[in-house]
């Protein structure tokens, strides 16, 4: 019996010690989860206004689905985090159905009817996002712009007469493909609309020097459409010789153009 009593006392003491350890350890473990500091907002995010800067201008290099383009942008500070924008650019438009092939260094695009130069002129606003949580040397902006889009379409090849005596408007075996500087005299202008939404980052803590990277989506709309691919289809006879032209059996004119954009911007503010 004495042996049983000693074991009972040891068990009671062990149980008491375990309870004390649990009592003091659990609150400490729970408190550990609250040691992470809260996100602290920036005390005073800077703005061009703080440096008496009201205007800005950039030269832009753009990459789109249609190739490379260039543009220029003017910025006018409106509030601490907002700016008014005017942007004008020069690039090209293409039909997504185009397929280019190269033969002996020359590019050939089957069924192409016209080349298109594009001159969008847009205005809009950009606004800085999360300025109190992101450092001034990585300034994030969202922007929206819109305006007219001017397009100059001119022949991809020298059109010749079809067997019916009318312009073929389709490549014949004796059609000569124009280079980029030929055929301008037979071109015409189209007027439509353009728009772009984007997110950009201005790098650097010096506001008077602008270096930006922009990712966006851009559209063009031309109510009358642009005939980039051949509107007619060539009918071939024996030995693949053209015998007739089927009018209206080719490709439709396109009125909508969509493309993602990646833009590098270089400039300054004053």
C-alpha atoms as a PDB file:
ATOM      1  CA  UNK A   1       0.000   0.000   0.000  1.00  0.00           C
ATOM      2  CA  UNK A   2       2.745   2.596   0.727  1.00  0.00           C
ATOM      3  CA  UNK A   3       4.114   1.955  -2.719  1.00  0.00           C
ATOM      4  CA  UNK A   4       0.692   2.701  -4.217  1.00  0.00           C
ATOM      5  CA  UNK A   5       0.434   6.029  -2.312  1.00  0.00           C
ATOM      6  CA  UNK A   6       3.863   7.190  -3.539  1.00  0.00           C
ATOM      7  CA  UNK A   7       2.893   6.455  -7.128  1.00  0.00           C
ATOM      8  CA  UNK A   8      -0.334   8.386  -6.676  1.00  0.00           C
ATOM      9  CA  UNK A   9       1.570  11.425  -5.352  1.00  0.00           C
ATOM     10  CA  UNK A  10       4.010  11.306  -8.271  1.00  0.00           C
ATOM     11  CA  UNK A  11       1.165  11.107 -10.749  1.00  0.00           C
ATOM     12  CA  UNK A  12      -0.578  14.067  -9.139  1.00  0.00           C
ATOM     13  CA  UNK A  13       2.586  16.161  -9.226  1.00  0.00           C
ATOM     14  CA  UNK A  14       3.218  15.240 -12.899  1.00  0.00           C
ATOM     15  CA  UNK A  15      -0.339  16.156 -13.796  1.00  0.00           C
ATOM     16  CA  UNK A  16      -0.027  19.491 -11.970  1.00  0.00           C
ATOM     17  CA  UNK A  17       3.269  20.260 -13.722  1.00  0.00           C
ATOM     18  CA  UNK A  18       1.766  19.409 -17.143  1.00  0.00           C
ATOM     19  CA  UNK A  19      -1.177  21.707 -16.441  1.00  0.00           C
ATOM     20  CA  UNK A  20       1.112  24.582 -15.475  1.00  0.00           C
ATOM     21  CA  UNK A  21       3.199  24.134 -18.636  1.00  0.00           C
ATOM     22  CA  UNK A  22       0.038  24.072 -20.780  1.00  0.00           C
ATOM     23  CA  UNK A  23      -1.353  27.119 -18.968  1.00  0.00           C
ATOM     24  CA  UNK A  24       1.718  29.262 -19.659  1.00  0.00           C
ATOM     25  CA  UNK A  25       2.633  27.865 -23.095  1.00  0.00           C
ATOM     26  CA  UNK A  26      -0.671  28.061 -24.969  1.00  0.00           C
ATOM     27  CA  UNK A  27      -1.135  31.850 -24.561  1.00  0.00           C
ATOM     28  CA  UNK A  28       2.437  32.352 -25.746  1.00  0.00           C
ATOM     29  CA  UNK A  29       1.818  30.212 -28.829  1.00  0.00           C
ATOM     30  CA  UNK A  30      -1.409  32.060 -29.586  1.00  0.00           C
ATOM     31  CA  UNK A  31       0.317  35.381 -29.190  1.00  0.00           C
ATOM     32  CA  UNK A  32       2.994  34.294 -31.682  1.00  0.00           C
ATOM     33  CA  UNK A  33       0.462  34.544 -34.505  1.00  0.00           C
ATOM     34  CA  UNK A  34      -0.069  38.221 -33.723  1.00  0.00           C
ATOM     35  CA  UNK A  35       3.597  39.180 -33.947  1.00  0.00           C
ATOM     36  CA  UNK A  36       3.368  39.951 -37.704  1.00  0.00           C
ATOM     37  CA  UNK A  37       3.165  43.734 -38.114  1.00  0.00           C
ATOM     38  CA  UNK A  38       0.261  45.315 -39.940  1.00  0.00           C
ATOM     39  CA  UNK A  39       0.843  46.767 -43.405  1.00  0.00           C
ATOM     40  CA  UNK A  40       1.922  50.342 -42.852  1.00  0.00           C
ATOM     41  CA  UNK A  41       0.950  52.929 -45.414  1.00  0.00           C
ATOM     42  CA  UNK A  42       3.500  55.380 -46.707  1.00  0.00           C
ATOM     43  CA  UNK A  43       3.665  58.489 -44.538  1.00  0.00           C
ATOM     44  CA  UNK A  44       3.589  60.979 -47.421  1.00  0.00           C
ATOM     45  CA  UNK A  45       3.667  59.622 -51.000  1.00  0.00           C
ATOM     46  CA  UNK A  46       5.271  62.077 -53.368  1.00  0.00           C
ATOM     47  CA  UNK A  47       3.650  63.622 -56.424  1.00  0.00           C
ATOM     48  CA  UNK A  48       4.837  65.818 -59.322  1.00  0.00           C
ATOM     49  CA  UNK A  49       3.025  68.646 -57.533  1.00  0.00           C
ATOM     50  CA  UNK A  50       5.604  68.478 -54.728  1.00  0.00           C
ATOM     51  CA  UNK A  51       8.353  69.332 -57.231  1.00  0.00           C
ATOM     52  CA  UNK A  52       6.405  72.030 -59.113  1.00  0.00           C
ATOM     53  CA  UNK A  53       6.105  69.775 -62.170  1.00  0.00           C
ATOM     54  CA  UNK A  54       2.951  70.302 -64.223  1.00  0.00           C
ATOM     55  CA  UNK A  55       3.743  68.971 -67.720  1.00  0.00           C
ATOM     56  CA  UNK A  56       5.320  65.832 -69.145  1.00  0.00           C
ATOM     57  CA  UNK A  57       6.149  64.328 -72.522  1.00  0.00           C
ATOM     58  CA  UNK A  58       7.363  60.901 -73.642  1.00  0.00           C
ATOM     59  CA  UNK A  59       8.531  59.163 -76.784  1.00  0.00           C
ATOM     60  CA  UNK A  60       7.066  55.650 -76.974  1.00  0.00           C
ATOM     61  CA  UNK A  61       8.073  52.390 -78.643  1.00  0.00           C
ATOM     62  CA  UNK A  62       5.088  50.055 -79.045  1.00  0.00           C
ATOM     63  CA  UNK A  63       4.769  46.350 -79.815  1.00  0.00           C
ATOM     64  CA  UNK A  64       1.373  45.092 -81.049  1.00  0.00           C
ATOM     65  CA  UNK A  65      -0.083  42.170 -82.978  1.00  0.00           C
ATOM     66  CA  UNK A  66       0.553  44.208 -86.131  1.00  0.00           C
ATOM     67  CA  UNK A  67       4.253  44.813 -85.503  1.00  0.00           C
ATOM     68  CA  UNK A  68       6.131  47.803 -84.163  1.00  0.00           C
ATOM     69  CA  UNK A  69       4.724  51.302 -83.796  1.00  0.00           C
ATOM     70  CA  UNK A  70       5.842  54.654 -82.403  1.00  0.00           C
ATOM     71  CA  UNK A  71       3.911  57.311 -80.535  1.00  0.00           C
ATOM     72  CA  UNK A  72       4.256  60.416 -78.417  1.00  0.00           C
ATOM     73  CA  UNK A  73       2.412  61.321 -75.249  1.00  0.00           C
ATOM     74  CA  UNK A  74       1.770  64.635 -73.483  1.00  0.00           C
ATOM     75  CA  UNK A  75       0.799  64.657 -69.804  1.00  0.00           C
ATOM     76  CA  UNK A  76      -0.780  67.461 -67.810  1.00  0.00           C
ATOM     77  CA  UNK A  77      -0.962  67.131 -64.014  1.00  0.00           C
ATOM     78  CA  UNK A  78      -4.545  67.624 -62.810  1.00  0.00           C
ATOM     79  CA  UNK A  79      -4.406  66.484 -59.175  1.00  0.00           C
ATOM     80  CA  UNK A  80      -1.765  64.862 -56.985  1.00  0.00           C
ATOM     81  CA  UNK A  81      -2.498  61.418 -58.459  1.00  0.00           C
ATOM     82  CA  UNK A  82      -4.233  62.185 -61.772  1.00  0.00           C
ATOM     83  CA  UNK A  83      -3.017  63.383 -65.170  1.00  0.00           C
ATOM     84  CA  UNK A  84      -4.694  64.345 -68.427  1.00  0.00           C
ATOM     85  CA  UNK A  85      -3.204  62.657 -71.510  1.00  0.00           C
ATOM     86  CA  UNK A  86      -2.930  63.327 -75.244  1.00  0.00           C
ATOM     87  CA  UNK A  87      -1.304  60.639 -77.377  1.00  0.00           C
ATOM     88  CA  UNK A  88      -0.655  60.385 -81.110  1.00  0.00           C
ATOM     89  CA  UNK A  89       0.925  57.444 -82.885  1.00  0.00           C
ATOM     90  CA  UNK A  90       1.943  55.843 -86.155  1.00  0.00           C
ATOM     91  CA  UNK A  91       1.714  52.140 -86.966  1.00  0.00           C
ATOM     92  CA  UNK A  92       0.068  49.608 -89.240  1.00  0.00           C
ATOM     93  CA  UNK A  93      -3.117  47.551 -89.250  1.00  0.00           C
ATOM     94  CA  UNK A  94      -3.335  43.984 -90.485  1.00  0.00           C
ATOM     95  CA  UNK A  95      -5.999  41.380 -90.996  1.00  0.00           C
ATOM     96  CA  UNK A  96      -5.575  38.449 -88.561  1.00  0.00           C
ATOM     97  CA  UNK A  97      -6.211  36.097 -91.500  1.00  0.00           C
ATOM     98  CA  UNK A  98      -2.946  37.155 -93.162  1.00  0.00           C
ATOM     99  CA  UNK A  99      -0.197  34.555 -93.543  1.00  0.00           C
ATOM    100  CA  UNK A 100       3.243  35.726 -94.643  1.00  0.00           C
ATOM    101  CA  UNK A 101       5.770  33.606 -96.539  1.00  0.00           C
ATOM    102  CA  UNK A 102       9.319  34.430 -97.583  1.00  0.00           C
ATOM    103  CA  UNK A 103      10.783  33.426-100.948  1.00  0.00           C
ATOM    104  CA  UNK A 104      14.414  34.325-101.637  1.00  0.00           C
ATOM    105  CA  UNK A 105      14.233  37.194 -99.137  1.00  0.00           C
ATOM    106  CA  UNK A 106      10.931  38.606-100.437  1.00  0.00           C
ATOM    107  CA  UNK A 107       7.827  38.575 -98.298  1.00  0.00           C
ATOM    108  CA  UNK A 108       4.681  37.240 -99.990  1.00  0.00           C
ATOM    109  CA  UNK A 109       1.235  37.445 -98.357  1.00  0.00           C
ATOM    110  CA  UNK A 110      -1.328  35.417-100.330  1.00  0.00           C
ATOM    111  CA  UNK A 111      -4.730  37.063-100.824  1.00  0.00           C
ATOM    112  CA  UNK A 112      -3.579  40.401 -99.423  1.00  0.00           C
ATOM    113  CA  UNK A 113      -5.268  43.342-101.126  1.00  0.00           C
ATOM    114  CA  UNK A 114      -4.155  46.515 -99.294  1.00  0.00           C
ATOM    115  CA  UNK A 115      -1.531  47.763 -96.865  1.00  0.00           C
ATOM    116  CA  UNK A 116      -2.764  50.061 -94.098  1.00  0.00           C
ATOM    117  CA  UNK A 117      -0.968  52.828 -92.207  1.00  0.00           C
ATOM    118  CA  UNK A 118      -2.673  53.932 -88.999  1.00  0.00           C
ATOM    119  CA  UNK A 119      -2.588  57.272 -87.131  1.00  0.00           C
ATOM    120  CA  UNK A 120      -4.585  57.195 -83.872  1.00  0.00           C
ATOM    121  CA  UNK A 121      -4.999  60.406 -81.858  1.00  0.00           C
ATOM    122  CA  UNK A 122      -6.402  59.855 -78.372  1.00  0.00           C
ATOM    123  CA  UNK A 123      -7.023  61.734 -75.155  1.00  0.00           C
ATOM    124  CA  UNK A 124      -7.885  60.514 -71.677  1.00  0.00           C
ATOM    125  CA  UNK A 125      -6.783  60.279 -68.056  1.00  0.00           C
ATOM    126  CA  UNK A 126      -4.389  58.265 -65.933  1.00  0.00           C
ATOM    127  CA  UNK A 127      -4.636  57.802 -62.185  1.00  0.00           C
ATOM    128  CA  UNK A 128      -2.073  56.505 -59.722  1.00  0.00           C
ATOM    129  CA  UNK A 129      -3.067  53.366 -57.804  1.00  0.00           C
ATOM    130  CA  UNK A 130      -2.152  52.361 -54.228  1.00  0.00           C
ATOM    131  CA  UNK A 131       0.101  55.366 -53.785  1.00  0.00           C
ATOM    132  CA  UNK A 132       0.088  54.947 -50.003  1.00  0.00           C
ATOM    133  CA  UNK A 133       1.196  51.320 -50.159  1.00  0.00           C
ATOM    134  CA  UNK A 134       3.690  51.199 -53.059  1.00  0.00           C
ATOM    135  CA  UNK A 135       6.949  53.101 -52.929  1.00  0.00           C
ATOM    136  CA  UNK A 136       7.439  56.210 -55.058  1.00  0.00           C
ATOM    137  CA  UNK A 137      10.108  54.574 -57.228  1.00  0.00           C
ATOM    138  CA  UNK A 138       7.495  52.090 -58.551  1.00  0.00           C
ATOM    139  CA  UNK A 139       4.439  54.197 -59.328  1.00  0.00           C
ATOM    140  CA  UNK A 140       1.492  52.243 -60.774  1.00  0.00           C
ATOM    141  CA  UNK A 141      -1.045  54.004 -63.010  1.00  0.00           C
ATOM    142  CA  UNK A 142      -4.254  52.954 -64.752  1.00  0.00           C
ATOM    143  CA  UNK A 143      -5.342  54.889 -67.835  1.00  0.00           C
ATOM    144  CA  UNK A 144      -8.192  55.065 -70.334  1.00  0.00           C
ATOM    145  CA  UNK A 145      -8.044  56.927 -73.658  1.00  0.00           C
ATOM    146  CA  UNK A 146     -10.086  57.313 -76.806  1.00  0.00           C
ATOM    147  CA  UNK A 147     -10.292  59.374 -79.976  1.00  0.00           C
ATOM    148  CA  UNK A 148     -10.254  59.316 -83.789  1.00  0.00           C
ATOM    149  CA  UNK A 149      -8.230  56.796 -85.764  1.00  0.00           C
ATOM    150  CA  UNK A 150      -7.060  57.713 -89.273  1.00  0.00           C
ATOM    151  CA  UNK A 151      -6.092  54.938 -91.676  1.00  0.00           C
ATOM    152  CA  UNK A 152      -4.464  55.190 -95.096  1.00  0.00           C
ATOM    153  CA  UNK A 153      -5.079  52.080 -97.231  1.00  0.00           C
ATOM    154  CA  UNK A 154      -3.209  51.571-100.522  1.00  0.00           C
ATOM    155  CA  UNK A 155      -2.816  48.647-102.947  1.00  0.00           C
ATOM    156  CA  UNK A 156      -0.599  45.699-102.060  1.00  0.00           C
ATOM    157  CA  UNK A 157      -0.243  44.837-105.754  1.00  0.00           C
ATOM    158  CA  UNK A 158      -0.737  46.521-109.115  1.00  0.00           C
ATOM    159  CA  UNK A 159      -4.286  45.662-110.097  1.00  0.00           C
ATOM    160  CA  UNK A 160      -4.876  44.549-113.680  1.00  0.00           C
ATOM    161  CA  UNK A 161      -7.981  43.914-115.737  1.00  0.00           C
ATOM    162  CA  UNK A 162      -9.812  40.630-115.405  1.00  0.00           C
ATOM    163  CA  UNK A 163     -11.075  38.689-118.447  1.00  0.00           C
ATOM    164  CA  UNK A 164     -14.388  40.575-118.108  1.00  0.00           C
ATOM    165  CA  UNK A 165     -12.583  43.893-118.626  1.00  0.00           C
ATOM    166  CA  UNK A 166     -13.060  45.117-115.033  1.00  0.00           C
ATOM    167  CA  UNK A 167     -10.331  45.585-112.386  1.00  0.00           C
ATOM    168  CA  UNK A 168      -9.697  42.142-111.011  1.00  0.00           C
ATOM    169  CA  UNK A 169      -9.155  43.170-107.357  1.00  0.00           C
ATOM    170  CA  UNK A 170      -7.402  39.844-106.969  1.00  0.00           C
ATOM    171  CA  UNK A 171      -3.820  38.839-107.732  1.00  0.00           C
ATOM    172  CA  UNK A 172      -3.348  37.507-111.249  1.00  0.00           C
ATOM    173  CA  UNK A 173      -0.203  35.754-112.495  1.00  0.00           C
ATOM    174  CA  UNK A 174       0.951  39.009-114.132  1.00  0.00           C
ATOM    175  CA  UNK A 175       0.167  41.218-111.076  1.00  0.00           C
ATOM    176  CA  UNK A 176       3.213  43.031-109.715  1.00  0.00           C
ATOM    177  CA  UNK A 177       3.481  43.300-105.932  1.00  0.00           C
ATOM    178  CA  UNK A 178       4.180  46.839-104.737  1.00  0.00           C
ATOM    179  CA  UNK A 179       6.851  47.557-102.185  1.00  0.00           C
ATOM    180  CA  UNK A 180       5.933  49.632 -99.143  1.00  0.00           C
ATOM    181  CA  UNK A 181       6.579  52.922-100.985  1.00  0.00           C
ATOM    182  CA  UNK A 182       4.586  52.092-104.150  1.00  0.00           C
ATOM    183  CA  UNK A 183       0.885  52.485-104.830  1.00  0.00           C
ATOM    184  CA  UNK A 184       0.339  55.494-102.581  1.00  0.00           C
ATOM    185  CA  UNK A 185      -1.282  57.419-105.408  1.00  0.00           C
ATOM    186  CA  UNK A 186      -4.114  54.864-105.528  1.00  0.00           C
ATOM    187  CA  UNK A 187      -4.710  54.863-101.779  1.00  0.00           C
ATOM    188  CA  UNK A 188      -7.533  56.423 -99.803  1.00  0.00           C
ATOM    189  CA  UNK A 189      -8.206  57.549 -96.247  1.00  0.00           C
ATOM    190  CA  UNK A 190     -10.538  55.959 -93.715  1.00  0.00           C
ATOM    191  CA  UNK A 191     -11.709  57.600 -90.489  1.00  0.00           C
ATOM    192  CA  UNK A 192     -12.717  55.581 -87.455  1.00  0.00           C
ATOM    193  CA  UNK A 193     -12.341  55.413 -83.700  1.00  0.00           C
ATOM    194  CA  UNK A 194      -9.628  54.163 -81.363  1.00  0.00           C
ATOM    195  CA  UNK A 195      -9.478  53.401 -77.672  1.00  0.00           C
ATOM    196  CA  UNK A 196      -7.012  51.981 -75.174  1.00  0.00           C
ATOM    197  CA  UNK A 197      -7.027  50.899 -71.551  1.00  0.00           C
ATOM    198  CA  UNK A 198      -3.732  50.143 -69.833  1.00  0.00           C
ATOM    199  CA  UNK A 199      -1.710  49.750 -66.663  1.00  0.00           C
ATOM    200  CA  UNK A 200       1.706  51.423 -66.524  1.00  0.00           C
ATOM    201  CA  UNK A 201       4.600  51.661 -64.092  1.00  0.00           C
ATOM    202  CA  UNK A 202       6.768  54.779 -63.770  1.00  0.00           C
ATOM    203  CA  UNK A 203      10.209  53.839 -62.470  1.00  0.00           C
ATOM    204  CA  UNK A 204      12.572  55.934 -60.367  1.00  0.00           C
ATOM    205  CA  UNK A 205      12.230  58.362 -57.488  1.00  0.00           C
ATOM    206  CA  UNK A 206      13.057  61.391 -59.655  1.00  0.00           C
ATOM    207  CA  UNK A 207       9.815  62.712 -61.086  1.00  0.00           C
ATOM    208  CA  UNK A 208      11.441  64.986 -63.676  1.00  0.00           C
ATOM    209  CA  UNK A 209      12.770  61.942 -65.577  1.00  0.00           C
ATOM    210  CA  UNK A 210      10.204  59.505 -67.007  1.00  0.00           C
ATOM    211  CA  UNK A 211      10.909  55.846 -67.736  1.00  0.00           C
ATOM    212  CA  UNK A 212       7.739  53.780 -67.984  1.00  0.00           C
ATOM    213  CA  UNK A 213       6.541  50.326 -69.005  1.00  0.00           C
ATOM    214  CA  UNK A 214       2.917  49.974 -70.080  1.00  0.00           C
ATOM    215  CA  UNK A 215       0.690  46.961 -70.769  1.00  0.00           C
ATOM    216  CA  UNK A 216      -2.631  47.577 -72.449  1.00  0.00           C
ATOM    217  CA  UNK A 217      -5.387  46.570 -74.838  1.00  0.00           C
ATOM    218  CA  UNK A 218      -6.230  48.723 -77.862  1.00  0.00           C
ATOM    219  CA  UNK A 219      -9.042  48.693 -80.404  1.00  0.00           C
ATOM    220  CA  UNK A 220      -9.849  50.415 -83.699  1.00  0.00           C
ATOM    221  CA  UNK A 221     -13.293  50.624 -85.265  1.00  0.00           C
ATOM    222  CA  UNK A 222     -14.014  51.786 -88.822  1.00  0.00           C
ATOM    223  CA  UNK A 223     -17.750  51.999 -89.627  1.00  0.00           C
ATOM    224  CA  UNK A 224     -17.184  51.538 -93.374  1.00  0.00           C
ATOM    225  CA  UNK A 225     -14.648  48.747 -92.913  1.00  0.00           C
ATOM    226  CA  UNK A 226     -11.220  48.364 -94.520  1.00  0.00           C
ATOM    227  CA  UNK A 227     -10.709  45.849 -97.339  1.00  0.00           C
ATOM    228  CA  UNK A 228      -7.314  44.406 -96.381  1.00  0.00           C
ATOM    229  CA  UNK A 229      -7.783  40.982 -98.001  1.00  0.00           C
ATOM    230  CA  UNK A 230      -8.906  40.333-101.584  1.00  0.00           C
ATOM    231  CA  UNK A 231     -12.675  40.815-102.027  1.00  0.00           C
ATOM    232  CA  UNK A 232     -12.847  38.572-105.112  1.00  0.00           C
ATOM    233  CA  UNK A 233     -11.812  35.004-105.907  1.00  0.00           C
ATOM    234  CA  UNK A 234      -9.847  33.921-108.951  1.00  0.00           C
ATOM    235  CA  UNK A 235     -11.250  31.010-110.951  1.00  0.00           C
ATOM    236  CA  UNK A 236      -8.581  28.879-112.580  1.00  0.00           C
ATOM    237  CA  UNK A 237      -8.989  26.638-115.587  1.00  0.00           C
ATOM    238  CA  UNK A 238      -6.726  24.103-117.195  1.00  0.00           C
ATOM    239  CA  UNK A 239      -3.044  24.312-116.286  1.00  0.00           C
ATOM    240  CA  UNK A 240      -3.978  26.762-113.515  1.00  0.00           C
ATOM    241  CA  UNK A 241      -4.689  29.559-115.959  1.00  0.00           C
ATOM    242  CA  UNK A 242      -7.137  32.270-114.792  1.00  0.00           C
ATOM    243  CA  UNK A 243     -10.414  32.106-116.674  1.00  0.00           C
ATOM    244  CA  UNK A 244     -12.683  34.309-114.598  1.00  0.00           C
ATOM    245  CA  UNK A 245     -13.103  36.310-111.395  1.00  0.00           C
ATOM    246  CA  UNK A 246     -15.897  35.544-108.959  1.00  0.00           C
ATOM    247  CA  UNK A 247     -16.996  38.887-107.553  1.00  0.00           C
ATOM    248  CA  UNK A 248     -17.637  39.120-103.812  1.00  0.00           C
ATOM    249  CA  UNK A 249     -16.499  35.549-103.153  1.00  0.00           C
ATOM    250  CA  UNK A 250     -13.305  36.575-101.376  1.00  0.00           C
ATOM    251  CA  UNK A 251     -12.779  38.070 -97.924  1.00  0.00           C
ATOM    252  CA  UNK A 252     -15.000  40.538 -96.108  1.00  0.00           C
ATOM    253  CA  UNK A 253     -13.822  43.985 -95.090  1.00  0.00           C
ATOM    254  CA  UNK A 254     -12.891  44.330 -91.440  1.00  0.00           C
ATOM    255  CA  UNK A 255     -14.314  47.019 -89.200  1.00  0.00           C
ATOM    256  CA  UNK A 256     -12.942  45.972 -85.768  1.00  0.00           C
ATOM    257  CA  UNK A 257      -9.274  45.570 -84.861  1.00  0.00           C
ATOM    258  CA  UNK A 258      -8.088  44.448 -81.417  1.00  0.00           C
ATOM    259  CA  UNK A 259      -4.542  44.061 -80.139  1.00  0.00           C
ATOM    260  CA  UNK A 260      -2.611  43.864 -76.876  1.00  0.00           C
ATOM    261  CA  UNK A 261       0.126  46.478 -76.525  1.00  0.00           C
ATOM    262  CA  UNK A 262       3.460  46.640 -74.746  1.00  0.00           C
ATOM    263  CA  UNK A 263       4.999  50.119 -74.617  1.00  0.00           C
ATOM    264  CA  UNK A 264       8.326  51.516 -73.462  1.00  0.00           C
ATOM    265  CA  UNK A 265       8.211  55.228 -72.635  1.00  0.00           C
ATOM    266  CA  UNK A 266      11.100  57.675 -72.284  1.00  0.00           C
ATOM    267  CA  UNK A 267      10.752  61.363 -71.460  1.00  0.00           C
ATOM    268  CA  UNK A 268      10.622  63.991 -68.774  1.00  0.00           C
ATOM    269  CA  UNK A 269       8.533  66.498 -66.846  1.00  0.00           C
ATOM    270  CA  UNK A 270       8.861  70.230 -66.344  1.00  0.00           C
END
